[in-house]
Amino acid sequence: VESGADILEELQALSPTPSPQVANTTVRDGDAVLDALGHDP
């Protein structure tokens, strides 16, 4: 595994449905850090 997504994919069938509190912490396309990164190193 290299990311948390690798684990969640394997355990997807057992994964609990995220509560609103959990869902609010999910990274979105408009995340400020992603925006600041741009697309270059």
Full PDB file with SEQRES, HELIX, SHEET, SSBOND, CRYST1, ORIGX, SCALE, CONECT and MASTER records, all heavy atoms in Angstrom:
SEQRES   1 A   41  VAL GLU SER GLY ALA ASP ILE LEU GLU GLU LEU GLN ALA          
SEQRES   2 A   41  LEU SER PRO THR PRO SER PRO GLN VAL ALA ASN THR THR          
SEQRES   3 A   41  VAL ARG ASP GLY ASP ALA VAL LEU ASP ALA LEU GLY HIS          
SEQRES   4 A   41  ASP PRO                                                      
HELIX    1 AA1 GLY A    4  GLU A   10  1                                   7    
HELIX    2 AA2 GLN A   12  LEU A   14  5                                   3    
HELIX    3 AA3 PRO A   20  ALA A   23  1                                   4    
HELIX    4 AA4 ALA A   32  LEU A   37  1                                   6    
CRYST1    1.000    1.000    1.000  90.00  90.00  90.00 P 1           1          
ORIGX1      1.000000  0.000000  0.000000        0.00000                         
ORIGX2      0.000000  1.000000  0.000000        0.00000                         
ORIGX3      0.000000  0.000000  1.000000        0.00000                         
SCALE1      1.000000  0.000000  0.000000        0.00000                         
SCALE2      0.000000  1.000000  0.000000        0.00000                         
SCALE3      0.000000  0.000000  1.000000        0.00000                         
ATOM      1  N   VAL A   1       0.835  -1.192   0.000  1.00  0.00           N  
ATOM      2  CA  VAL A   1       0.000   0.000   0.000  1.00  0.00           C  
ATOM      3  C   VAL A   1       0.873   1.247   0.000  1.00  0.00           C  
ATOM      4  O   VAL A   1       1.911   1.304   0.653  1.00  0.00           O  
ATOM      5  CB  VAL A   1      -0.979   0.040   1.194  1.00  0.00           C  
ATOM      6  CG1 VAL A   1      -1.976  -1.097   1.102  1.00  0.00           C  
ATOM      7  CG2 VAL A   1      -0.243  -0.020   2.517  1.00  0.00           C  
ATOM      8  N   GLU A   2       0.418   2.235  -0.752  1.00  0.00           N  
ATOM      9  CA  GLU A   2       1.101   3.523  -0.818  1.00  0.00           C  
ATOM     10  C   GLU A   2       0.188   4.662  -0.403  1.00  0.00           C  
ATOM     11  O   GLU A   2       0.649   5.785  -0.209  1.00  0.00           O  
ATOM     12  CB  GLU A   2       1.601   3.770  -2.244  1.00  0.00           C  
ATOM     13  CG  GLU A   2       2.616   2.749  -2.719  1.00  0.00           C  
ATOM     14  CD  GLU A   2       2.997   2.939  -4.169  1.00  0.00           C  
ATOM     15  OE1 GLU A   2       2.080   3.078  -5.009  1.00  0.00           O  
ATOM     16  OE2 GLU A   2       4.198   2.966  -4.456  1.00  0.00           O  
ATOM     17  N   SER A   3      -1.101   4.383  -0.287  1.00  0.00           N  
ATOM     18  CA  SER A   3      -2.056   5.424   0.086  1.00  0.00           C  
ATOM     19  C   SER A   3      -3.194   4.807   0.884  1.00  0.00           C  
ATOM     20  O   SER A   3      -3.431   3.590   0.830  1.00  0.00           O  
ATOM     21  CB  SER A   3      -2.619   6.112  -1.160  1.00  0.00           C  
ATOM     22  OG  SER A   3      -3.486   5.228  -1.855  1.00  0.00           O  
ATOM     23  N   GLY A   4      -3.886   5.683   1.613  1.00  0.00           N  
ATOM     24  CA  GLY A   4      -5.056   5.219   2.350  1.00  0.00           C  
ATOM     25  C   GLY A   4      -6.106   4.648   1.415  1.00  0.00           C  
ATOM     26  O   GLY A   4      -6.855   3.733   1.773  1.00  0.00           O  
ATOM     27  N   ALA A   5      -6.171   5.181   0.199  1.00  0.00           N  
ATOM     28  CA  ALA A   5      -7.142   4.681  -0.777  1.00  0.00           C  
ATOM     29  C   ALA A   5      -6.895   3.214  -1.107  1.00  0.00           C  
ATOM     30  O   ALA A   5      -7.841   2.459  -1.354  1.00  0.00           O  
ATOM     31  CB  ALA A   5      -7.079   5.529  -2.046  1.00  0.00           C  
ATOM     32  N   ASP A   6      -5.623   2.794  -1.111  1.00  0.00           N  
ATOM     33  CA  ASP A   6      -5.307   1.388  -1.382  1.00  0.00           C  
ATOM     34  C   ASP A   6      -5.984   0.474  -0.371  1.00  0.00           C  
ATOM     35  O   ASP A   6      -6.494  -0.599  -0.718  1.00  0.00           O  
ATOM     36  CB  ASP A   6      -3.796   1.167  -1.333  1.00  0.00           C  
ATOM     37  CG  ASP A   6      -3.050   1.873  -2.441  1.00  0.00           C  
ATOM     38  OD1 ASP A   6      -3.679   2.168  -3.475  1.00  0.00           O  
ATOM     39  OD2 ASP A   6      -1.852   2.131  -2.274  1.00  0.00           O  
ATOM     40  N   ILE A   7      -5.979   0.888   0.900  1.00  0.00           N  
ATOM     41  CA  ILE A   7      -6.587   0.075   1.952  1.00  0.00           C  
ATOM     42  C   ILE A   7      -8.108   0.111   1.843  1.00  0.00           C  
ATOM     43  O   ILE A   7      -8.789  -0.921   1.915  1.00  0.00           O  
ATOM     44  CB  ILE A   7      -6.138   0.569   3.333  1.00  0.00           C  
ATOM     45  CG1 ILE A   7      -4.630   0.353   3.508  1.00  0.00           C  
ATOM     46  CG2 ILE A   7      -6.900  -0.150   4.451  1.00  0.00           C  
ATOM     47  CD1 ILE A   7      -4.061   0.931   4.776  1.00  0.00           C  
ATOM     48  N   LEU A   8      -8.659   1.307   1.652  1.00  0.00           N  
ATOM     49  CA  LEU A   8     -10.112   1.434   1.595  1.00  0.00           C  
ATOM     50  C   LEU A   8     -10.697   0.677   0.417  1.00  0.00           C  
ATOM     51  O   LEU A   8     -11.797   0.130   0.510  1.00  0.00           O  
ATOM     52  CB  LEU A   8     -10.498   2.912   1.520  1.00  0.00           C  
ATOM     53  CG  LEU A   8     -10.223   3.710   2.803  1.00  0.00           C  
ATOM     54  CD1 LEU A   8     -10.555   5.177   2.591  1.00  0.00           C  
ATOM     55  CD2 LEU A   8     -11.015   3.154   3.976  1.00  0.00           C  
ATOM     56  N   GLU A   9      -9.973   0.603  -0.689  1.00  0.00           N  
ATOM     57  CA  GLU A   9     -10.458  -0.162  -1.837  1.00  0.00           C  
ATOM     58  C   GLU A   9     -10.581  -1.647  -1.496  1.00  0.00           C  
ATOM     59  O   GLU A   9     -11.543  -2.313  -1.881  1.00  0.00           O  
ATOM     60  CB  GLU A   9      -9.514   0.021  -3.027  1.00  0.00           C  
ATOM     61  CG  GLU A   9      -9.634   1.377  -3.696  1.00  0.00           C  
ATOM     62  CD  GLU A   9      -8.550   1.614  -4.735  1.00  0.00           C  
ATOM     63  OE1 GLU A   9      -7.809   0.649  -5.027  1.00  0.00           O  
ATOM     64  OE2 GLU A   9      -8.449   2.742  -5.241  1.00  0.00           O  
ATOM     65  N   GLU A  10      -9.590  -2.168  -0.773  1.00  0.00           N  
ATOM     66  CA  GLU A  10      -9.615  -3.579  -0.398  1.00  0.00           C  
ATOM     67  C   GLU A  10     -10.750  -3.874   0.582  1.00  0.00           C  
ATOM     68  O   GLU A  10     -11.357  -4.941   0.570  1.00  0.00           O  
ATOM     69  CB  GLU A  10      -8.283  -3.986   0.226  1.00  0.00           C  
ATOM     70  CG  GLU A  10      -7.127  -4.049  -0.747  1.00  0.00           C  
ATOM     71  CD  GLU A  10      -7.281  -5.183  -1.753  1.00  0.00           C  
ATOM     72  OE1 GLU A  10      -7.951  -6.178  -1.441  1.00  0.00           O  
ATOM     73  OE2 GLU A  10      -6.725  -5.052  -2.858  1.00  0.00           O  
ATOM     74  N   LEU A  11     -11.020  -2.912   1.464  1.00  0.00           N  
ATOM     75  CA  LEU A  11     -12.020  -3.123   2.507  1.00  0.00           C  
ATOM     76  C   LEU A  11     -13.335  -2.425   2.171  1.00  0.00           C  
ATOM     77  O   LEU A  11     -14.165  -2.225   3.047  1.00  0.00           O  
ATOM     78  CB  LEU A  11     -11.490  -2.601   3.844  1.00  0.00           C  
ATOM     79  CG  LEU A  11     -10.184  -3.245   4.335  1.00  0.00           C  
ATOM     80  CD1 LEU A  11      -9.742  -2.602   5.647  1.00  0.00           C  
ATOM     81  CD2 LEU A  11     -10.338  -4.743   4.511  1.00  0.00           C  
ATOM     82  N   GLN A  12     -13.522  -2.075   0.902  1.00  0.00           N  
ATOM     83  CA  GLN A  12     -14.668  -1.263   0.511  1.00  0.00           C  
ATOM     84  C   GLN A  12     -15.995  -1.890   0.927  1.00  0.00           C  
ATOM     85  O   GLN A  12     -16.907  -1.201   1.378  1.00  0.00           O  
ATOM     86  CB  GLN A  12     -14.654  -1.044  -1.007  1.00  0.00           C  
ATOM     87  CG  GLN A  12     -15.714  -0.070  -1.499  1.00  0.00           C  
ATOM     88  CD  GLN A  12     -15.548   0.222  -2.982  1.00  0.00           C  
ATOM     89  OE1 GLN A  12     -14.761  -0.433  -3.659  1.00  0.00           O  
ATOM     90  NE2 GLN A  12     -16.287   1.197  -3.488  1.00  0.00           N  
ATOM     91  N   ALA A  13     -16.105  -3.184   0.775  1.00  0.00           N  
ATOM     92  CA  ALA A  13     -17.365  -3.838   1.109  1.00  0.00           C  
ATOM     93  C   ALA A  13     -17.679  -3.759   2.590  1.00  0.00           C  
ATOM     94  O   ALA A  13     -18.840  -3.858   2.996  1.00  0.00           O  
ATOM     95  CB  ALA A  13     -17.328  -5.300   0.676  1.00  0.00           C  
ATOM     96  N   LEU A  14     -16.622  -3.584   3.406  1.00  0.00           N  
ATOM     97  CA  LEU A  14     -16.814  -3.529   4.852  1.00  0.00           C  
ATOM     98  C   LEU A  14     -16.825  -2.105   5.375  1.00  0.00           C  
ATOM     99  O   LEU A  14     -17.061  -1.878   6.549  1.00  0.00           O  
ATOM    100  CB  LEU A  14     -15.677  -4.288   5.549  1.00  0.00           C  
ATOM    101  CG  LEU A  14     -15.496  -5.741   5.120  1.00  0.00           C  
ATOM    102  CD1 LEU A  14     -14.265  -6.323   5.789  1.00  0.00           C  
ATOM    103  CD2 LEU A  14     -16.728  -6.551   5.486  1.00  0.00           C  
ATOM    104  N   SER A  15     -16.571  -1.130   4.504  1.00  0.00           N  
ATOM    105  CA  SER A  15     -16.397   0.255   4.938  1.00  0.00           C  
ATOM    106  C   SER A  15     -17.708   0.842   5.411  1.00  0.00           C  
ATOM    107  O   SER A  15     -18.743   0.691   4.759  1.00  0.00           O  
ATOM    108  CB  SER A  15     -15.850   1.111   3.802  1.00  0.00           C  
ATOM    109  OG  SER A  15     -15.699   2.444   4.190  1.00  0.00           O  
ATOM    110  N   PRO A  16     -17.700   1.547   6.554  1.00  0.00           N  
ATOM    111  CA  PRO A  16     -18.905   2.200   7.032  1.00  0.00           C  
ATOM    112  C   PRO A  16     -19.251   3.385   6.148  1.00  0.00           C  
ATOM    113  O   PRO A  16     -18.393   3.975   5.508  1.00  0.00           O  
ATOM    114  CB  PRO A  16     -18.526   2.675   8.440  1.00  0.00           C  
ATOM    115  CG  PRO A  16     -17.052   2.855   8.379  1.00  0.00           C  
ATOM    116  CD  PRO A  16     -16.552   1.793   7.434  1.00  0.00           C  
ATOM    117  N   THR A  17     -20.540   3.724   6.085  1.00  0.00           N  
ATOM    118  CA  THR A  17     -20.954   4.918   5.368  1.00  0.00           C  
ATOM    119  C   THR A  17     -20.510   6.136   6.141  1.00  0.00           C  
ATOM    120  O   THR A  17     -20.849   6.280   7.318  1.00  0.00           O  
ATOM    121  CB  THR A  17     -22.490   4.938   5.209  1.00  0.00           C  
ATOM    122  OG1 THR A  17     -22.887   3.765   4.509  1.00  0.00           O  
ATOM    123  CG2 THR A  17     -22.929   6.168   4.437  1.00  0.00           C  
ATOM    124  N   PRO A  18     -19.741   7.043   5.535  1.00  0.00           N  
ATOM    125  CA  PRO A  18     -19.265   8.202   6.278  1.00  0.00           C  
ATOM    126  C   PRO A  18     -20.403   9.070   6.768  1.00  0.00           C  
ATOM    127  O   PRO A  18     -21.393   9.280   6.065  1.00  0.00           O  
ATOM    128  CB  PRO A  18     -18.403   8.959   5.246  1.00  0.00           C  
ATOM    129  CG  PRO A  18     -18.061   7.942   4.208  1.00  0.00           C  
ATOM    130  CD  PRO A  18     -19.220   7.009   4.168  1.00  0.00           C  
ATOM    131  N   SER A  19     -20.272   9.541   7.989  1.00  0.00           N  
ATOM    132  CA  SER A  19     -21.237  10.479   8.532  1.00  0.00           C  
ATOM    133  C   SER A  19     -20.973  11.840   7.927  1.00  0.00           C  
ATOM    134  O   SER A  19     -19.923  12.077   7.317  1.00  0.00           O  
ATOM    135  CB  SER A  19     -21.078  10.556  10.052  1.00  0.00           C  
ATOM    136  OG  SER A  19     -19.820  11.117  10.368  1.00  0.00           O  
ATOM    137  N   PRO A  20     -21.897  12.830   8.068  1.00  0.00           N  
ATOM    138  CA  PRO A  20     -21.620  14.167   7.560  1.00  0.00           C  
ATOM    139  C   PRO A  20     -20.324  14.736   8.112  1.00  0.00           C  
ATOM    140  O   PRO A  20     -19.605  15.428   7.422  1.00  0.00           O  
ATOM    141  CB  PRO A  20     -22.842  14.968   8.029  1.00  0.00           C  
ATOM    142  CG  PRO A  20     -23.934  13.955   8.109  1.00  0.00           C  
ATOM    143  CD  PRO A  20     -23.261  12.687   8.572  1.00  0.00           C  
ATOM    144  N   GLN A  21     -20.009  14.426   9.376  1.00  0.00           N  
ATOM    145  CA  GLN A  21     -18.775  14.938   9.967  1.00  0.00           C  
ATOM    146  C   GLN A  21     -17.561  14.393   9.215  1.00  0.00           C  
ATOM    147  O   GLN A  21     -16.588  15.104   8.969  1.00  0.00           O  
ATOM    148  CB  GLN A  21     -18.695  14.529  11.441  1.00  0.00           C  
ATOM    149  CG  GLN A  21     -17.425  15.015  12.127  1.00  0.00           C  
ATOM    150  CD  GLN A  21     -17.344  14.525  13.552  1.00  0.00           C  
ATOM    151  OE1 GLN A  21     -18.160  13.732  14.002  1.00  0.00           O  
ATOM    152  NE2 GLN A  21     -16.357  15.000  14.275  1.00  0.00           N  
ATOM    153  N   VAL A  22     -17.626  13.112   8.830  1.00  0.00           N  
ATOM    154  CA  VAL A  22     -16.521  12.519   8.091  1.00  0.00           C  
ATOM    155  C   VAL A  22     -16.462  13.084   6.679  1.00  0.00           C  
ATOM    156  O   VAL A  22     -15.413  13.469   6.191  1.00  0.00           O  
ATOM    157  CB  VAL A  22     -16.678  10.981   8.029  1.00  0.00           C  
ATOM    158  CG1 VAL A  22     -15.587  10.375   7.170  1.00  0.00           C  
ATOM    159  CG2 VAL A  22     -16.651  10.396   9.427  1.00  0.00           C  
ATOM    160  N   ALA A  23     -17.636  13.165   6.023  1.00  0.00           N  
ATOM    161  CA  ALA A  23     -17.661  13.612   4.639  1.00  0.00           C  
ATOM    162  C   ALA A  23     -17.124  15.025   4.504  1.00  0.00           C  
ATOM    163  O   ALA A  23     -16.512  15.375   3.498  1.00  0.00           O  
ATOM    164  CB  ALA A  23     -19.090  13.540   4.095  1.00  0.00           C  
ATOM    165  N   ASN A  24     -17.320  15.857   5.494  1.00  0.00           N  
ATOM    166  CA  ASN A  24     -16.863  17.239   5.418  1.00  0.00           C  
ATOM    167  C   ASN A  24     -15.356  17.357   5.415  1.00  0.00           C  
ATOM    168  O   ASN A  24     -14.816  18.423   5.092  1.00  0.00           O  
ATOM    169  CB  ASN A  24     -17.438  18.051   6.581  1.00  0.00           C  
ATOM    170  CG  ASN A  24     -18.919  18.328   6.388  1.00  0.00           C  
ATOM    171  OD1 ASN A  24     -19.428  18.256   5.278  1.00  0.00           O  
ATOM    172  ND2 ASN A  24     -19.615  18.626   7.472  1.00  0.00           N  
ATOM    173  N   THR A  25     -14.648  16.321   5.811  1.00  0.00           N  
ATOM    174  CA  THR A  25     -13.186  16.398   5.840  1.00  0.00           C  
ATOM    175  C   THR A  25     -12.559  15.867   4.551  1.00  0.00           C  
ATOM    176  O   THR A  25     -11.358  15.891   4.405  1.00  0.00           O  
ATOM    177  CB  THR A  25     -12.629  15.573   7.018  1.00  0.00           C  
ATOM    178  OG1 THR A  25     -12.909  14.198   6.796  1.00  0.00           O  
ATOM    179  CG2 THR A  25     -13.230  16.006   8.333  1.00  0.00           C  
ATOM    180  N   THR A  26     -13.382  15.362   3.620  1.00  0.00           N  
ATOM    181  CA  THR A  26     -12.849  14.798   2.390  1.00  0.00           C  
ATOM    182  C   THR A  26     -12.237  15.893   1.517  1.00  0.00           C  
ATOM    183  O   THR A  26     -12.806  16.964   1.340  1.00  0.00           O  
ATOM    184  CB  THR A  26     -13.978  14.081   1.626  1.00  0.00           C  
ATOM    185  OG1 THR A  26     -14.535  13.086   2.467  1.00  0.00           O  
ATOM    186  CG2 THR A  26     -13.438  13.424   0.367  1.00  0.00           C  
ATOM    187  N   VAL A  27     -11.092  15.614   0.935  1.00  0.00           N  
ATOM    188  CA  VAL A  27     -10.432  16.582   0.067  1.00  0.00           C  
ATOM    189  C   VAL A  27     -11.248  16.755  -1.206  1.00  0.00           C  
ATOM    190  O   VAL A  27     -11.620  15.784  -1.843  1.00  0.00           O  
ATOM    191  CB  VAL A  27      -9.009  16.121  -0.285  1.00  0.00           C  
ATOM    192  CG1 VAL A  27      -8.360  17.085  -1.271  1.00  0.00           C  
ATOM    193  CG2 VAL A  27      -8.188  16.016   0.965  1.00  0.00           C  
ATOM    194  N   ARG A  28     -11.491  17.996  -1.612  1.00  0.00           N  
ATOM    195  CA  ARG A  28     -12.253  18.287  -2.826  1.00  0.00           C  
ATOM    196  C   ARG A  28     -11.331  18.902  -3.869  1.00  0.00           C  
ATOM    197  O   ARG A  28     -10.225  19.337  -3.590  1.00  0.00           O  
ATOM    198  CB  ARG A  28     -13.404  19.243  -2.493  1.00  0.00           C  
ATOM    199  CG  ARG A  28     -14.410  18.675  -1.498  1.00  0.00           C  
ATOM    200  CD  ARG A  28     -15.530  19.661  -1.278  1.00  0.00           C  
ATOM    201  NE  ARG A  28     -15.047  20.877  -0.652  1.00  0.00           N  
ATOM    202  CZ  ARG A  28     -14.907  21.041   0.661  1.00  0.00           C  
ATOM    203  NH1 ARG A  28     -15.213  20.059   1.474  1.00  0.00           N  
ATOM    204  NH2 ARG A  28     -14.473  22.181   1.167  1.00  0.00           N  
ATOM    205  N   ASP A  29     -11.833  18.996  -5.117  1.00  0.00           N  
ATOM    206  CA  ASP A  29     -11.022  19.573  -6.188  1.00  0.00           C  
ATOM    207  C   ASP A  29     -10.628  21.007  -5.885  1.00  0.00           C  
ATOM    208  O   ASP A  29      -9.594  21.489  -6.326  1.00  0.00           O  
ATOM    209  CB  ASP A  29     -11.791  19.508  -7.514  1.00  0.00           C  
ATOM    210  CG  ASP A  29     -11.880  18.079  -8.034  1.00  0.00           C  
ATOM    211  OD1 ASP A  29     -11.069  17.256  -7.570  1.00  0.00           O  
ATOM    212  OD2 ASP A  29     -12.734  17.809  -8.872  1.00  0.00           O  
ATOM    213  N   GLY A  30     -11.459  21.698  -5.103  1.00  0.00           N  
ATOM    214  CA  GLY A  30     -11.170  23.094  -4.808  1.00  0.00           C  
ATOM    215  C   GLY A  30     -10.311  23.294  -3.580  1.00  0.00           C  
ATOM    216  O   GLY A  30     -10.208  24.407  -3.066  1.00  0.00           O  
ATOM    217  N   ASP A  31      -9.705  22.223  -3.076  1.00  0.00           N  
ATOM    218  CA  ASP A  31      -8.865  22.331  -1.884  1.00  0.00           C  
ATOM    219  C   ASP A  31      -7.787  23.391  -2.093  1.00  0.00           C  
ATOM    220  O   ASP A  31      -7.115  23.421  -3.123  1.00  0.00           O  
ATOM    221  CB  ASP A  31      -8.221  20.972  -1.607  1.00  0.00           C  
ATOM    222  CG  ASP A  31      -7.409  20.986  -0.327  1.00  0.00           C  
ATOM    223  OD1 ASP A  31      -6.261  21.455  -0.384  1.00  0.00           O  
ATOM    224  OD2 ASP A  31      -7.924  20.537   0.702  1.00  0.00           O  
ATOM    225  N   ALA A  32      -7.577  24.251  -1.076  1.00  0.00           N  
ATOM    226  CA  ALA A  32      -6.644  25.374  -1.218  1.00  0.00           C  
ATOM    227  C   ALA A  32      -5.216  24.904  -1.476  1.00  0.00           C  
ATOM    228  O   ALA A  32      -4.475  25.535  -2.241  1.00  0.00           O  
ATOM    229  CB  ALA A  32      -6.705  26.248   0.033  1.00  0.00           C  
ATOM    230  N   VAL A  33      -4.802  23.802  -0.855  1.00  0.00           N  
ATOM    231  CA  VAL A  33      -3.437  23.316  -1.053  1.00  0.00           C  
ATOM    232  C   VAL A  33      -3.273  22.780  -2.467  1.00  0.00           C  
ATOM    233  O   VAL A  33      -2.244  23.001  -3.124  1.00  0.00           O  
ATOM    234  CB  VAL A  33      -3.078  22.243  -0.004  1.00  0.00           C  
ATOM    235  CG1 VAL A  33      -1.691  21.687  -0.261  1.00  0.00           C  
ATOM    236  CG2 VAL A  33      -3.160  22.829   1.395  1.00  0.00           C  
ATOM    237  N   LEU A  34      -4.274  22.067  -2.972  1.00  0.00           N  
ATOM    238  CA  LEU A  34      -4.199  21.586  -4.346  1.00  0.00           C  
ATOM    239  C   LEU A  34      -4.133  22.757  -5.320  1.00  0.00           C  
ATOM    240  O   LEU A  34      -3.380  22.730  -6.299  1.00  0.00           O  
ATOM    241  CB  LEU A  34      -5.414  20.707  -4.663  1.00  0.00           C  
ATOM    242  CG  LEU A  34      -5.422  19.297  -4.061  1.00  0.00           C  
ATOM    243  CD1 LEU A  34      -6.754  18.624  -4.345  1.00  0.00           C  
ATOM    244  CD2 LEU A  34      -4.276  18.469  -4.594  1.00  0.00           C  
ATOM    245  N   ASP A  35      -4.913  23.786  -5.049  1.00  0.00           N  
ATOM    246  CA  ASP A  35      -4.872  24.961  -5.915  1.00  0.00           C  
ATOM    247  C   ASP A  35      -3.490  25.600  -5.903  1.00  0.00           C  
ATOM    248  O   ASP A  35      -2.964  26.018  -6.944  1.00  0.00           O  
ATOM    249  CB  ASP A  35      -5.916  25.988  -5.469  1.00  0.00           C  
ATOM    250  CG  ASP A  35      -7.345  25.515  -5.744  1.00  0.00           C  
ATOM    251  OD1 ASP A  35      -7.507  24.598  -6.578  1.00  0.00           O  
ATOM    252  OD2 ASP A  35      -8.274  26.047  -5.123  1.00  0.00           O  
ATOM    253  N   ALA A  36      -2.888  25.672  -4.697  1.00  0.00           N  
ATOM    254  CA  ALA A  36      -1.567  26.294  -4.575  1.00  0.00           C  
ATOM    255  C   ALA A  36      -0.488  25.457  -5.257  1.00  0.00           C  
ATOM    256  O   ALA A  36       0.509  25.994  -5.745  1.00  0.00           O  
ATOM    257  CB  ALA A  36      -1.229  26.501  -3.100  1.00  0.00           C  
ATOM    258  N   LEU A  37      -0.670  24.153  -5.314  1.00  0.00           N  
ATOM    259  CA  LEU A  37       0.315  23.290  -5.960  1.00  0.00           C  
ATOM    260  C   LEU A  37       0.402  23.553  -7.462  1.00  0.00           C  
ATOM    261  O   LEU A  37       1.475  23.445  -8.058  1.00  0.00           O  
ATOM    262  CB  LEU A  37      -0.047  21.812  -5.736  1.00  0.00           C  
ATOM    263  CG  LEU A  37       0.431  21.175  -4.434  1.00  0.00           C  
ATOM    264  CD1 LEU A  37      -0.307  19.862  -4.201  1.00  0.00           C  
ATOM    265  CD2 LEU A  37       1.924  20.933  -4.471  1.00  0.00           C  
ATOM    266  N   GLY A  38      -0.714  23.879  -8.064  1.00  0.00           N  
ATOM    267  CA  GLY A  38      -0.711  23.978  -9.524  1.00  0.00           C  
ATOM    268  C   GLY A  38      -0.484  22.597 -10.117  1.00  0.00           C  
ATOM    269  O   GLY A  38      -0.947  21.587  -9.580  1.00  0.00           O  
ATOM    270  N   HIS A  39       0.292  22.542 -11.205  1.00  0.00           N  
ATOM    271  CA  HIS A  39       0.529  21.242 -11.850  1.00  0.00           C  
ATOM    272  C   HIS A  39       2.013  20.972 -12.077  1.00  0.00           C  
ATOM    273  O   HIS A  39       2.364  19.981 -12.717  1.00  0.00           O  
ATOM    274  CB  HIS A  39      -0.239  21.166 -13.170  1.00  0.00           C  
ATOM    275  CG  HIS A  39      -1.722  21.140 -12.983  1.00  0.00           C  
ATOM    276  ND1 HIS A  39      -2.432  19.995 -12.675  1.00  0.00           N  
ATOM    277  CD2 HIS A  39      -2.631  22.145 -13.001  1.00  0.00           C  
ATOM    278  CE1 HIS A  39      -3.709  20.283 -12.544  1.00  0.00           C  
ATOM    279  NE2 HIS A  39      -3.861  21.574 -12.748  1.00  0.00           N  
ATOM    280  N   ASP A  40       2.872  21.838 -11.571  1.00  0.00           N  
ATOM    281  CA  ASP A  40       4.313  21.646 -11.695  1.00  0.00           C  
ATOM    282  C   ASP A  40       4.913  21.310 -10.337  1.00  0.00           C  
ATOM    283  O   ASP A  40       4.365  21.682  -9.285  1.00  0.00           O  
ATOM    284  CB  ASP A  40       4.983  22.910 -12.249  1.00  0.00           C  
ATOM    285  CG  ASP A  40       4.555  23.206 -13.683  1.00  0.00           C  
ATOM    286  OD1 ASP A  40       4.424  22.235 -14.459  1.00  0.00           O  
ATOM    287  OD2 ASP A  40       4.346  24.396 -14.002  1.00  0.00           O  
ATOM    288  N   PRO A  41       6.060  20.597 -10.294  1.00  0.00           N  
ATOM    289  CA  PRO A  41       6.707  20.299  -9.020  1.00  0.00           C  
ATOM    290  C   PRO A  41       7.006  21.581  -8.247  1.00  0.00           C  
ATOM    291  O   PRO A  41       7.372  22.607  -8.833  1.00  0.00           O  
ATOM    292  CB  PRO A  41       7.996  19.588  -9.441  1.00  0.00           C  
ATOM    293  CG  PRO A  41       7.683  19.014 -10.782  1.00  0.00           C  
ATOM    294  CD  PRO A  41       6.783  20.008 -11.439  1.00  0.00           C  
TER     295      PRO A  41                                                      
MASTER        0    0    0    4    0    0    0    6  294    1    0    4          
END                                                                             
